[in-house]
Amino acid sequence: MKRRQFIKRSSAATVPVLLGGMNVSALNNPMFNALNTDTDRVLVLIQMDGGNDGLNMILPKDQYSNLVQARENVLVPENSILDLTDTLGFHPVMGDLKNVFDDGKLNIIQGVAYPNQNRSHFRSTDIWTTGSPADENWTTGWLGRYFNIANPDYPTGYPNADNPDPFAITIGSQVSNTCEGSGGNFSMALIDPENLSALAAPINGTIPPDSCYGDSIQFLVDSIVQTNAYNDVIQAANDNGTNLSTKYDNNNNLAQKLKVVSRLIAGGLQTKVYVVSIGGFDTHASQVTGNDTTQGEHAELLAEMSQAICAFQDDLKELGLEERVIGMTFSEFGRRIRSNDSLGTDHGTAAPMMLFGTCVNSVVIGDNPTISPDVDVQEGVPMQFDFRSVYGSVLMDWFGVEEQTVKDLLYEDFQHLPILNNCDSVDAKDILKEGELEFNAYPNPFDQTTTIEFTVKSGWVKISLFDVIGSELKVLTNQKFTAGKHQILMEGHDLAAGSYYYRIQTDYGQKTKRLVKVK
């Protein structure tokens, strides 16, 4: 089924009901059954609400001198950075997550965003959760659409003997839009598995009237019946499960959410997707304290996330569940390169994503962003990878979705990334070497024209020009090329003087570089 068919069939309606401390959607999506029948693998999403400052979380050490020029009032001291590679390091509060990386259980993807970046929290979050283009409004989530393929009749007849468990669970008060399907949301919102109780139906066997009002009442009744059935299996999993790690901090809210996830998985719940969130990343002010840039609101969030993921991964190891679970972080956008005068940063463009687990390729995918000494006040980190390629690679390699189906669900230009090794002996570094690209523009800076020269394998090549806020201004080429060296002339007469980015994408790799027009 093509994307536009999904959109035509989709509905934004999601009706919440209360479940003994939970706020539960009407459980109306078919996507999770396809996963239940094929695999016992679990995906955990960590949503970083507010727009995470990736340059403060994962610092390009080779760009440090220019970062000083752009954000000295929020930049951590160079000697405090925790080394991950020769040119990249963590914020100093992220020692726990560095241990996960050193253990070979953390993957980092540089510069993840989407073309034509929208810097509104609401719209950008909608784009990330639906997987839509920036100029289209989709009402189904990227996971919800996949579940719909195998379960077009959901929620009718669910739960059942083949699918007794919730397809997805959001730990919190609201369900995740990532799981919104054409009939409703596949995710239950769970606050406290220790505080579950059955809901009373609003009618006692009375047949609702044949009207819109009656349909709404019946929908509510059906939702409550389903909720109570799922309540029972959640309660059983919580009673049967346990946590073995001693690293969970009782004062760490994210850690406590992940602790619930681990316990339910250990208790036998066959839910395939869990969504947890950590808020507070909209750090326009007080991102750091005035006298210590290693401390502040953002440092507290990074420490909380680092400790939580480390404890969760330790728990999975102790429980013998490591090869069944991977996790992924995402945020609606990054922050601008240049800081503001309020010891903070404003809405930007791209930022790193992280995936964790025993079955990830523990490497850094992508190049460090190049920071100019004269960064524009509006400039964000440029996009290297489209976030939909990250999603699609997880669907392919973790849940076994065919590539064409991924393209139908997400976007036609999907590029598979070597994020996961499925716990096989795959060397991601070797995979990445095969995809290296030679890609340059000369002259750069340029006046009116510049030549872009690139060396590629035989196949599809797309080259685009972006401005500093992430808008795609021109598609310079989008076609097949033979293997070897090629050149294209870019006319820049219509461009204002200033900084731009040009990006090449192929079936096996991509690069983004800075381009400057001087007149």
Protein backbone atom coordinates (compact mmCIF):
# COMPACT_ATOMS: atom_id res chain seq x y z
CA MET A 1 0.00 0.00 0.00
CA LYS A 2 1.38 3.41 -0.98
CA ARG A 3 1.83 6.32 1.42
CA ARG A 4 -1.02 8.38 0.02
CA GLN A 5 -3.39 5.44 0.45
CA PHE A 6 -2.45 5.33 4.11
CA ILE A 7 -3.09 9.04 4.42
CA LYS A 8 -6.51 8.80 2.80
CA ARG A 9 -7.51 6.02 5.18
CA SER A 10 -6.08 7.65 8.30
CA SER A 11 -7.91 9.35 11.14
CA ALA A 12 -6.59 11.65 13.84
CA ALA A 13 -9.17 10.59 16.42
CA THR A 14 -7.76 9.05 19.58
CA VAL A 15 -10.08 8.73 22.57
CA PRO A 16 -8.39 8.47 25.98
CA VAL A 17 -9.88 6.50 28.86
CA LEU A 18 -8.68 6.13 32.42
CA LEU A 19 -7.10 2.93 33.65
CA GLY A 20 -6.32 3.02 37.37
CA GLY A 21 -3.79 5.82 37.07
CA MET A 22 -3.30 5.35 33.30
CA ASN A 23 -4.59 7.44 30.46
CA VAL A 24 -5.22 4.96 27.65
CA SER A 25 -6.07 5.62 24.03
CA ALA A 26 -8.80 3.66 22.34
CA LEU A 27 -6.27 1.08 21.14
CA ASN A 28 -7.22 1.22 17.52
CA ASN A 29 -4.30 0.18 15.36
CA PRO A 30 -3.19 -2.96 13.57
CA MET A 31 0.51 -2.49 13.27
CA PHE A 32 1.88 -4.44 16.19
CA ASN A 33 0.41 -7.82 15.30
CA ALA A 34 2.78 -8.19 12.36
CA LEU A 35 5.65 -7.92 14.79
CA ASN A 36 4.08 -10.24 17.37
CA THR A 37 3.76 -13.10 14.91
CA ASP A 38 7.26 -12.81 13.48
CA THR A 39 9.67 -11.87 16.27
CA ASP A 40 10.04 -11.35 19.99
CA ARG A 41 12.25 -8.29 19.50
CA VAL A 42 11.46 -5.08 21.35
CA LEU A 43 12.09 -1.44 20.42
CA VAL A 44 12.29 1.23 23.15
CA LEU A 45 11.96 4.87 22.05
CA ILE A 46 13.23 7.70 24.25
CA GLN A 47 11.73 11.03 23.21
CA MET A 48 13.76 14.07 24.31
CA ASP A 49 11.07 16.76 24.38
CA GLY A 50 12.01 20.34 23.62
CA GLY A 51 14.82 20.13 21.06
CA ASN A 52 18.13 18.73 22.27
CA ASP A 53 21.39 20.68 21.92
CA GLY A 54 23.43 17.99 20.21
CA LEU A 55 26.56 20.15 20.19
CA ASN A 56 26.49 20.20 23.99
CA MET A 57 25.79 16.46 24.25
CA ILE A 58 28.27 15.09 21.70
CA LEU A 59 31.03 17.59 21.03
CA PRO A 60 33.15 17.71 17.84
CA LYS A 61 36.56 18.22 19.41
CA ASP A 62 38.18 18.99 16.06
CA GLN A 63 35.90 22.04 15.81
CA TYR A 64 36.46 23.27 19.35
CA SER A 65 38.28 26.52 18.51
CA ASN A 66 35.42 27.66 16.29
CA LEU A 67 32.84 26.54 18.85
CA VAL A 68 34.55 28.90 21.29
CA GLN A 69 33.82 31.74 18.86
CA ALA A 70 30.17 30.74 18.49
CA ARG A 71 29.11 29.60 21.98
CA GLU A 72 31.78 30.30 24.55
CA ASN A 73 29.21 31.13 27.26
CA VAL A 74 27.69 27.60 27.14
CA LEU A 75 30.66 25.51 25.95
CA VAL A 76 32.18 23.00 28.37
CA PRO A 77 35.95 23.23 28.89
CA GLU A 78 37.89 21.23 26.33
CA ASN A 79 39.76 19.26 28.99
CA SER A 80 36.47 18.08 30.54
CA ILE A 81 35.13 16.34 27.40
CA LEU A 82 34.86 12.55 27.71
CA ASP A 83 36.64 11.07 24.70
CA LEU A 84 34.68 8.72 22.45
CA THR A 85 37.00 8.95 19.44
CA ASP A 86 39.97 11.10 18.52
CA THR A 87 37.63 13.85 17.32
CA LEU A 88 34.41 13.34 19.28
CA GLY A 89 33.42 13.29 22.94
CA PHE A 90 30.55 13.31 25.44
CA HIS A 91 29.54 16.07 27.82
CA PRO A 92 31.40 15.44 31.11
CA VAL A 93 28.24 14.37 32.99
CA MET A 94 27.69 11.43 30.62
CA GLY A 95 30.21 9.00 32.07
CA ASP A 96 27.63 6.23 32.41
CA LEU A 97 26.72 6.39 28.73
CA LYS A 98 30.39 6.51 27.79
CA ASN A 99 30.72 3.15 29.59
CA VAL A 100 27.89 1.81 27.41
CA PHE A 101 29.76 3.03 24.32
CA ASP A 102 33.03 1.51 25.55
CA ASP A 103 31.17 -1.78 26.09
CA GLY A 104 30.23 -1.80 22.41
CA LYS A 105 26.52 -1.13 22.99
CA LEU A 106 25.98 2.41 21.68
CA ASN A 107 25.61 3.70 18.13
CA ILE A 108 25.76 7.43 17.30
CA ILE A 109 24.39 8.93 14.08
CA GLN A 110 25.57 12.45 13.34
CA GLY A 111 23.47 15.29 11.92
CA VAL A 112 19.98 13.76 11.78
CA ALA A 113 17.10 15.96 10.60
CA TYR A 114 14.76 16.35 7.62
CA PRO A 115 14.72 18.67 4.59
CA ASN A 116 13.02 22.04 5.07
CA GLN A 117 13.35 22.09 8.84
CA ASN A 118 10.39 23.48 10.78
CA ARG A 119 11.50 25.03 14.05
CA SER A 120 8.09 24.89 15.72
CA HIS A 121 7.96 22.35 18.56
CA PHE A 122 4.49 21.17 17.62
CA ARG A 123 4.96 20.85 13.88
CA SER A 124 8.44 19.37 14.08
CA THR A 125 7.32 16.81 16.68
CA ASP A 126 4.44 15.92 14.38
CA ILE A 127 6.88 15.38 11.50
CA TRP A 128 9.17 13.17 13.63
CA THR A 129 6.34 11.03 15.00
CA THR A 130 4.47 10.60 11.71
CA GLY A 131 7.49 10.37 9.41
CA SER A 132 5.89 12.85 7.01
CA PRO A 133 7.57 15.33 4.66
CA ALA A 134 7.78 18.85 6.07
CA ASP A 135 5.15 20.14 3.65
CA GLU A 136 2.54 17.41 4.23
CA ASN A 137 0.31 16.70 7.23
CA TRP A 138 -0.06 12.99 7.95
CA THR A 139 -2.34 11.69 10.67
CA THR A 140 -0.81 8.25 11.18
CA GLY A 141 2.42 7.42 12.99
CA TRP A 142 5.40 5.77 11.31
CA LEU A 143 4.91 2.65 13.43
CA GLY A 144 1.13 2.80 13.18
CA ARG A 145 1.20 2.59 9.40
CA TYR A 146 3.33 -0.53 9.48
CA PHE A 147 1.04 -2.27 11.94
CA ASN A 148 -1.95 -1.44 9.75
CA ILE A 149 -0.58 -3.55 6.91
CA ALA A 150 -1.00 -6.84 8.77
CA ASN A 151 -3.93 -5.80 10.97
CA PRO A 152 -6.42 -3.81 8.90
CA ASP A 153 -9.38 -4.75 11.17
CA TYR A 154 -7.88 -3.63 14.46
CA PRO A 155 -9.30 -2.97 17.04
CA THR A 156 -12.18 -5.29 16.16
CA GLY A 157 -11.49 -8.68 17.69
CA TYR A 158 -8.52 -7.59 19.81
CA PRO A 159 -7.10 -8.80 22.08
CA ASN A 160 -7.42 -12.42 21.01
CA ALA A 161 -5.69 -15.76 21.48
CA ASP A 162 -2.98 -14.92 18.94
CA ASN A 163 -2.49 -11.35 20.15
CA PRO A 164 -3.33 -11.16 23.86
CA ASP A 165 -0.91 -8.34 24.74
CA PRO A 166 -0.85 -4.61 23.98
CA PHE A 167 1.04 -3.84 20.79
CA ALA A 168 2.77 -0.81 22.33
CA ILE A 169 2.96 0.93 25.70
CA THR A 170 3.79 4.55 26.42
CA ILE A 171 5.09 5.04 29.94
CA GLY A 172 3.35 8.26 30.90
CA SER A 173 0.01 10.01 30.77
CA GLN A 174 -0.42 10.28 26.97
CA VAL A 175 -0.03 7.80 24.16
CA SER A 176 2.68 8.30 21.56
CA ASN A 177 1.67 9.58 18.13
CA THR A 178 4.31 7.29 16.62
CA CYS A 179 1.80 4.48 17.07
CA GLU A 180 -1.27 6.23 15.63
CA GLY A 181 -2.97 4.10 13.00
CA SER A 182 -5.94 4.50 10.70
CA GLY A 183 -8.39 3.22 13.31
CA GLY A 184 -6.80 4.68 16.43
CA ASN A 185 -3.65 4.38 18.47
CA PHE A 186 -1.86 1.09 19.10
CA SER A 187 -0.25 2.34 22.27
CA MET A 188 -1.58 2.22 25.83
CA ALA A 189 -0.50 4.97 28.22
CA LEU A 190 0.68 3.40 31.47
CA ILE A 191 1.63 5.39 34.55
CA ASP A 192 1.93 2.79 37.27
CA PRO A 193 1.63 -0.99 36.73
CA GLU A 194 1.25 -1.38 40.49
CA ASN A 195 -2.01 0.59 40.38
CA LEU A 196 -4.24 -1.12 37.85
CA SER A 197 -7.96 -1.67 38.29
CA ALA A 198 -10.83 -2.66 36.05
CA LEU A 199 -12.97 0.05 34.49
CA ALA A 200 -16.72 0.01 34.69
CA ALA A 201 -18.55 0.18 31.37
CA PRO A 202 -20.78 3.26 30.97
CA ILE A 203 -23.79 1.09 30.07
CA ASN A 204 -24.97 -2.22 31.52
CA GLY A 205 -25.80 -4.41 28.56
CA THR A 206 -27.98 -1.75 26.94
CA ILE A 207 -27.72 -1.55 23.17
CA PRO A 208 -26.74 2.00 22.18
CA PRO A 209 -29.04 3.87 19.78
CA ASP A 210 -28.37 3.72 16.06
CA SER A 211 -26.89 7.19 15.78
CA CYS A 212 -23.61 9.06 15.91
CA TYR A 213 -24.08 9.33 19.65
CA GLY A 214 -24.69 5.60 19.89
CA ASP A 215 -21.62 4.85 17.79
CA SER A 216 -19.51 6.96 20.14
CA ILE A 217 -20.89 5.16 23.18
CA GLN A 218 -20.23 1.75 21.63
CA PHE A 219 -16.71 2.83 20.73
CA LEU A 220 -16.11 3.82 24.34
CA VAL A 221 -17.55 0.56 25.63
CA ASP A 222 -15.40 -1.50 23.27
CA SER A 223 -12.34 0.48 24.33
CA ILE A 224 -13.02 -0.16 28.00
CA VAL A 225 -13.51 -3.88 27.40
CA GLN A 226 -10.19 -4.02 25.54
CA THR A 227 -8.47 -1.94 28.19
CA ASN A 228 -9.61 -4.25 30.96
CA ALA A 229 -8.38 -7.27 29.00
CA TYR A 230 -4.98 -5.67 28.46
CA ASN A 231 -4.98 -4.62 32.09
CA ASP A 232 -5.00 -8.27 33.12
CA VAL A 233 -1.97 -9.25 31.04
CA ILE A 234 -0.01 -6.18 32.15
CA GLN A 235 -0.75 -7.00 35.77
CA ALA A 236 0.36 -10.59 35.27
CA ALA A 237 3.61 -9.51 33.59
CA ASN A 238 4.32 -7.00 36.34
CA ASP A 239 3.73 -9.69 38.99
CA ASN A 240 5.91 -12.22 37.17
CA GLY A 241 8.68 -9.81 36.24
CA THR A 242 11.62 -8.52 38.23
CA ASN A 243 14.55 -6.12 38.02
CA LEU A 244 18.07 -7.29 38.81
CA SER A 245 20.19 -4.20 38.28
CA THR A 246 21.29 -2.18 41.30
CA LYS A 247 22.07 0.87 39.17
CA TYR A 248 18.58 2.39 39.03
CA ASP A 249 18.39 5.73 40.83
CA ASN A 250 15.10 6.23 42.68
CA ASN A 251 15.32 9.97 42.00
CA ASN A 252 15.87 9.51 38.27
CA ASN A 253 12.46 9.74 36.59
CA LEU A 254 13.60 8.34 33.25
CA ALA A 255 15.37 5.46 34.97
CA GLN A 256 12.16 4.56 36.81
CA LYS A 257 10.24 4.51 33.51
CA LEU A 258 12.81 2.23 31.91
CA LYS A 259 12.75 0.06 35.02
CA VAL A 260 9.03 -0.54 34.39
CA VAL A 261 9.78 -1.45 30.77
CA SER A 262 12.44 -3.96 31.79
CA ARG A 263 10.20 -5.56 34.41
CA LEU A 264 7.32 -6.00 31.96
CA ILE A 265 9.59 -7.56 29.33
CA ALA A 266 11.07 -9.89 31.96
CA GLY A 267 7.54 -10.78 33.07
CA GLY A 268 6.68 -12.15 29.65
CA LEU A 269 4.66 -9.30 28.14
CA GLN A 270 4.89 -9.58 24.34
CA THR A 271 4.55 -5.85 23.67
CA LYS A 272 6.91 -4.86 20.87
CA VAL A 273 7.31 -1.11 21.30
CA TYR A 274 7.71 1.00 24.43
CA VAL A 275 7.86 4.79 24.38
CA VAL A 276 9.25 6.86 27.25
CA SER A 277 9.98 10.58 27.34
CA ILE A 278 12.19 13.04 29.15
CA GLY A 279 11.25 16.72 28.92
CA GLY A 280 12.99 20.04 29.49
CA PHE A 281 15.29 20.26 26.46
CA ASP A 282 13.94 23.65 25.31
CA THR A 283 16.97 25.41 26.81
CA HIS A 284 16.61 29.01 25.64
CA ALA A 285 17.96 30.17 29.00
CA SER A 286 19.90 28.69 31.91
CA GLN A 287 21.24 25.86 29.79
CA VAL A 288 24.35 26.28 31.90
CA THR A 289 25.05 28.00 35.20
CA GLY A 290 26.81 31.32 34.95
CA ASN A 291 30.05 30.25 36.61
CA ASP A 292 30.30 26.61 35.49
CA THR A 293 29.42 25.56 31.95
CA THR A 294 29.58 21.87 32.91
CA GLN A 295 26.49 22.39 35.09
CA GLY A 296 22.98 23.65 34.40
CA GLU A 297 19.60 22.45 33.17
CA HIS A 298 20.94 20.67 30.11
CA ALA A 299 23.70 18.94 32.06
CA GLU A 300 21.09 17.65 34.54
CA LEU A 301 19.02 16.19 31.68
CA LEU A 302 22.04 14.58 30.03
CA ALA A 303 23.12 13.05 33.33
CA GLU A 304 19.61 11.70 33.94
CA MET A 305 19.45 10.13 30.49
CA SER A 306 22.99 8.74 30.71
CA GLN A 307 22.38 7.10 34.08
CA ALA A 308 18.97 5.76 33.04
CA ILE A 309 20.17 4.09 29.83
CA CYS A 310 23.18 2.60 31.62
CA ALA A 311 20.98 1.12 34.37
CA PHE A 312 18.45 -0.20 31.84
CA GLN A 313 21.17 -1.86 29.76
CA ASP A 314 22.67 -3.39 32.90
CA ASP A 315 19.25 -4.73 33.88
CA LEU A 316 18.72 -6.32 30.48
CA LYS A 317 22.11 -7.98 30.76
CA GLU A 318 21.37 -9.37 34.21
CA LEU A 319 17.97 -10.62 33.04
CA GLY A 320 19.41 -12.29 29.93
CA LEU A 321 17.33 -10.04 27.64
CA GLU A 322 20.07 -8.05 25.89
CA GLU A 323 19.66 -9.63 22.47
CA ARG A 324 15.92 -8.96 22.43
CA VAL A 325 15.90 -5.21 23.09
CA ILE A 326 17.29 -2.11 21.42
CA GLY A 327 16.65 1.54 22.28
CA MET A 328 16.62 4.74 20.23
CA THR A 329 16.64 8.43 21.20
CA PHE A 330 15.07 11.26 19.21
CA SER A 331 14.19 14.93 19.60
CA GLU A 332 12.20 17.29 17.37
CA PHE A 333 15.25 19.36 16.37
CA GLY A 334 18.70 20.41 17.52
CA ARG A 335 19.73 23.86 18.71
CA ARG A 336 21.49 26.65 16.82
CA ILE A 337 25.26 26.66 16.67
CA ARG A 338 25.56 30.18 18.08
CA SER A 339 24.39 30.56 21.69
CA ASN A 340 22.28 33.48 22.92
CA ASP A 341 22.87 36.03 25.66
CA SER A 342 20.70 34.15 28.17
CA LEU A 343 23.17 31.30 28.66
CA GLY A 344 21.08 29.21 26.31
CA THR A 345 20.52 28.15 22.71
CA ASP A 346 17.59 28.61 20.33
CA HIS A 347 15.75 26.27 17.96
CA GLY A 348 18.02 24.79 15.32
CA THR A 349 18.20 22.01 12.75
CA ALA A 350 20.04 18.67 13.04
CA ALA A 351 21.34 16.77 16.07
CA PRO A 352 22.76 13.31 16.81
CA MET A 353 20.57 10.27 17.39
CA MET A 354 21.70 7.35 19.55
CA LEU A 355 20.78 3.68 19.46
CA PHE A 356 21.77 1.36 22.27
CA GLY A 357 21.82 -2.36 22.90
CA THR A 358 23.97 -5.43 22.36
CA CYS A 359 22.80 -5.70 18.76
CA VAL A 360 23.81 -2.22 17.57
CA ASN A 361 26.94 -1.45 15.61
CA SER A 362 28.89 0.49 18.20
CA VAL A 363 30.35 3.12 15.89
CA VAL A 364 29.81 6.74 14.97
CA ILE A 365 28.04 7.05 11.62
CA GLY A 366 28.61 10.31 9.77
CA ASP A 367 31.06 13.18 9.92
CA ASN A 368 31.51 15.78 12.61
CA PRO A 369 29.72 19.00 11.65
CA THR A 370 32.05 21.67 10.30
CA ILE A 371 31.79 24.82 12.41
CA SER A 372 32.70 28.09 10.73
CA PRO A 373 34.41 30.88 12.71
CA ASP A 374 31.72 33.28 11.46
CA VAL A 375 28.53 31.31 12.15
CA ASP A 376 25.30 33.04 11.20
CA VAL A 377 23.01 33.77 14.15
CA GLN A 378 20.26 31.60 12.60
CA GLU A 379 22.54 28.75 11.59
CA GLY A 380 21.88 25.20 12.76
CA VAL A 381 23.90 22.03 12.37
CA PRO A 382 23.22 20.86 8.79
CA MET A 383 21.45 17.61 7.99
CA GLN A 384 23.60 14.64 7.03
CA PHE A 385 21.00 11.89 7.49
CA ASP A 386 17.26 11.99 7.01
CA PHE A 387 15.59 10.69 10.17
CA ARG A 388 13.33 8.49 8.07
CA SER A 389 16.38 6.52 6.94
CA VAL A 390 17.11 5.78 10.60
CA TYR A 391 13.53 4.65 11.19
CA GLY A 392 13.51 2.55 8.03
CA SER A 393 16.82 0.89 8.84
CA VAL A 394 15.42 -0.17 12.22
CA LEU A 395 12.28 -1.53 10.56
CA MET A 396 14.37 -3.50 8.06
CA ASP A 397 17.08 -4.87 10.32
CA TRP A 398 15.23 -5.27 13.61
CA PHE A 399 11.71 -6.18 12.51
CA GLY A 400 12.46 -7.70 9.10
CA VAL A 401 10.49 -5.27 6.93
CA GLU A 402 11.23 -5.37 3.21
CA GLU A 403 12.95 -2.33 1.72
CA GLN A 404 10.15 -1.49 -0.69
CA THR A 405 7.65 -1.57 2.15
CA VAL A 406 9.87 0.84 4.08
CA LYS A 407 9.87 3.18 1.10
CA ASP A 408 6.08 2.99 0.89
CA LEU A 409 5.73 3.68 4.60
CA LEU A 410 8.29 6.49 4.85
CA TYR A 411 9.80 7.96 1.67
CA GLU A 412 11.10 6.86 -1.69
CA ASP A 413 14.63 8.19 -1.14
CA PHE A 414 15.17 5.90 1.88
CA GLN A 415 18.82 5.05 2.48
CA HIS A 416 19.70 1.96 4.48
CA LEU A 417 22.17 2.67 7.30
CA PRO A 418 24.37 0.06 9.05
CA ILE A 419 22.97 0.82 12.50
CA LEU A 420 22.34 -2.75 13.66
CA ASN A 421 24.21 -6.00 13.36
CA ASN A 422 21.36 -8.18 14.65
CA CYS A 423 23.93 -9.66 17.01
CA ASP A 424 25.78 -11.19 14.07
CA SER A 425 29.49 -10.66 13.44
CA VAL A 426 29.10 -7.67 11.13
CA ASP A 427 31.82 -5.01 11.09
CA ALA A 428 30.11 -1.68 10.58
CA LYS A 429 33.42 0.03 9.95
CA ASP A 430 33.98 -2.13 6.88
CA ILE A 431 30.46 -1.43 5.68
CA LEU A 432 31.00 2.30 6.04
CA LYS A 433 34.30 2.20 4.14
CA GLU A 434 32.47 0.79 1.14
CA GLY A 435 30.26 3.87 1.12
CA GLU A 436 32.93 6.56 1.28
CA LEU A 437 32.32 9.44 -1.11
CA GLU A 438 34.65 11.97 -2.69
CA PHE A 439 32.73 15.22 -2.92
CA ASN A 440 34.02 18.80 -3.29
CA ALA A 441 33.14 22.18 -4.74
CA TYR A 442 35.57 24.61 -6.35
CA PRO A 443 35.99 27.47 -6.09
CA ASN A 444 34.73 27.70 -2.53
CA PRO A 445 34.08 30.48 -1.61
CA PHE A 446 32.61 31.34 -5.03
CA ASP A 447 31.27 34.41 -6.77
CA GLN A 448 28.62 33.45 -9.34
CA THR A 449 29.27 29.78 -10.18
CA THR A 450 31.00 26.80 -8.65
CA THR A 451 31.72 23.28 -9.88
CA ILE A 452 30.73 20.32 -7.74
CA GLU A 453 32.92 17.31 -8.40
CA PHE A 454 32.03 13.87 -7.04
CA THR A 455 33.27 10.31 -7.38
CA VAL A 456 30.64 7.60 -6.91
CA LYS A 457 29.77 4.03 -7.63
CA SER A 458 27.29 3.31 -10.40
CA GLY A 459 23.79 4.21 -9.27
CA TRP A 460 21.47 6.92 -8.06
CA VAL A 461 22.87 10.30 -6.95
CA LYS A 462 21.01 13.28 -5.51
CA ILE A 463 22.75 16.58 -4.79
CA SER A 464 20.86 19.42 -3.08
CA LEU A 465 21.65 22.92 -1.86
CA PHE A 466 20.42 24.00 1.60
CA ASP A 467 20.45 27.30 3.46
CA VAL A 468 21.72 27.62 7.03
CA ILE A 469 18.32 26.94 8.61
CA GLY A 470 17.82 23.66 6.73
CA SER A 471 15.61 24.66 3.79
CA GLU A 472 16.27 22.77 0.55
CA LEU A 473 16.77 25.54 -2.02
CA LYS A 474 17.74 23.55 -5.11
CA VAL A 475 18.01 19.97 -6.28
CA LEU A 476 21.08 20.13 -8.50
CA THR A 477 20.81 16.57 -9.76
CA ASN A 478 18.67 13.53 -8.99
CA GLN A 479 19.46 10.71 -11.40
CA LYS A 480 21.60 7.65 -12.10
CA PHE A 481 25.33 8.02 -12.80
CA THR A 482 27.93 5.59 -14.01
CA ALA A 483 30.81 4.74 -11.70
CA GLY A 484 33.63 7.28 -11.65
CA LYS A 485 34.24 11.02 -11.40
CA HIS A 486 31.59 13.52 -12.46
CA GLN A 487 31.09 17.27 -12.40
CA ILE A 488 28.11 19.59 -12.37
CA LEU A 489 28.11 23.37 -12.61
CA MET A 490 26.03 25.20 -10.02
CA GLU A 491 24.74 28.62 -10.97
CA GLY A 492 24.58 30.93 -7.96
CA HIS A 493 23.46 34.21 -9.54
CA ASP A 494 20.15 34.04 -7.68
CA LEU A 495 21.74 33.43 -4.27
CA ALA A 496 22.49 36.13 -1.71
CA ALA A 497 26.00 36.32 -0.33
CA GLY A 498 26.41 34.08 2.67
CA SER A 499 26.80 30.47 3.83
CA TYR A 500 25.05 27.42 2.38
CA TYR A 501 25.38 23.63 2.56
CA TYR A 502 25.48 21.19 -0.32
CA ARG A 503 24.58 17.54 0.29
CA ILE A 504 25.14 14.42 -1.79
CA GLN A 505 23.08 11.27 -1.22
CA THR A 506 23.54 7.88 -2.88
CA ASP A 507 22.19 4.40 -2.21
CA TYR A 508 25.19 3.70 0.02
CA GLY A 509 26.29 6.98 1.57
CA GLN A 510 25.96 10.73 1.90
CA LYS A 511 27.98 13.81 2.81
CA THR A 512 27.16 17.41 3.68
CA LYS A 513 29.65 20.26 3.26
CA ARG A 514 29.68 24.02 3.68
CA LEU A 515 29.61 26.35 0.68
CA VAL A 516 30.11 30.14 0.78
CA LYS A 517 29.04 32.78 -1.73
CA VAL A 518 31.03 36.00 -1.44
CA LYS A 519 29.09 38.48 -3.63
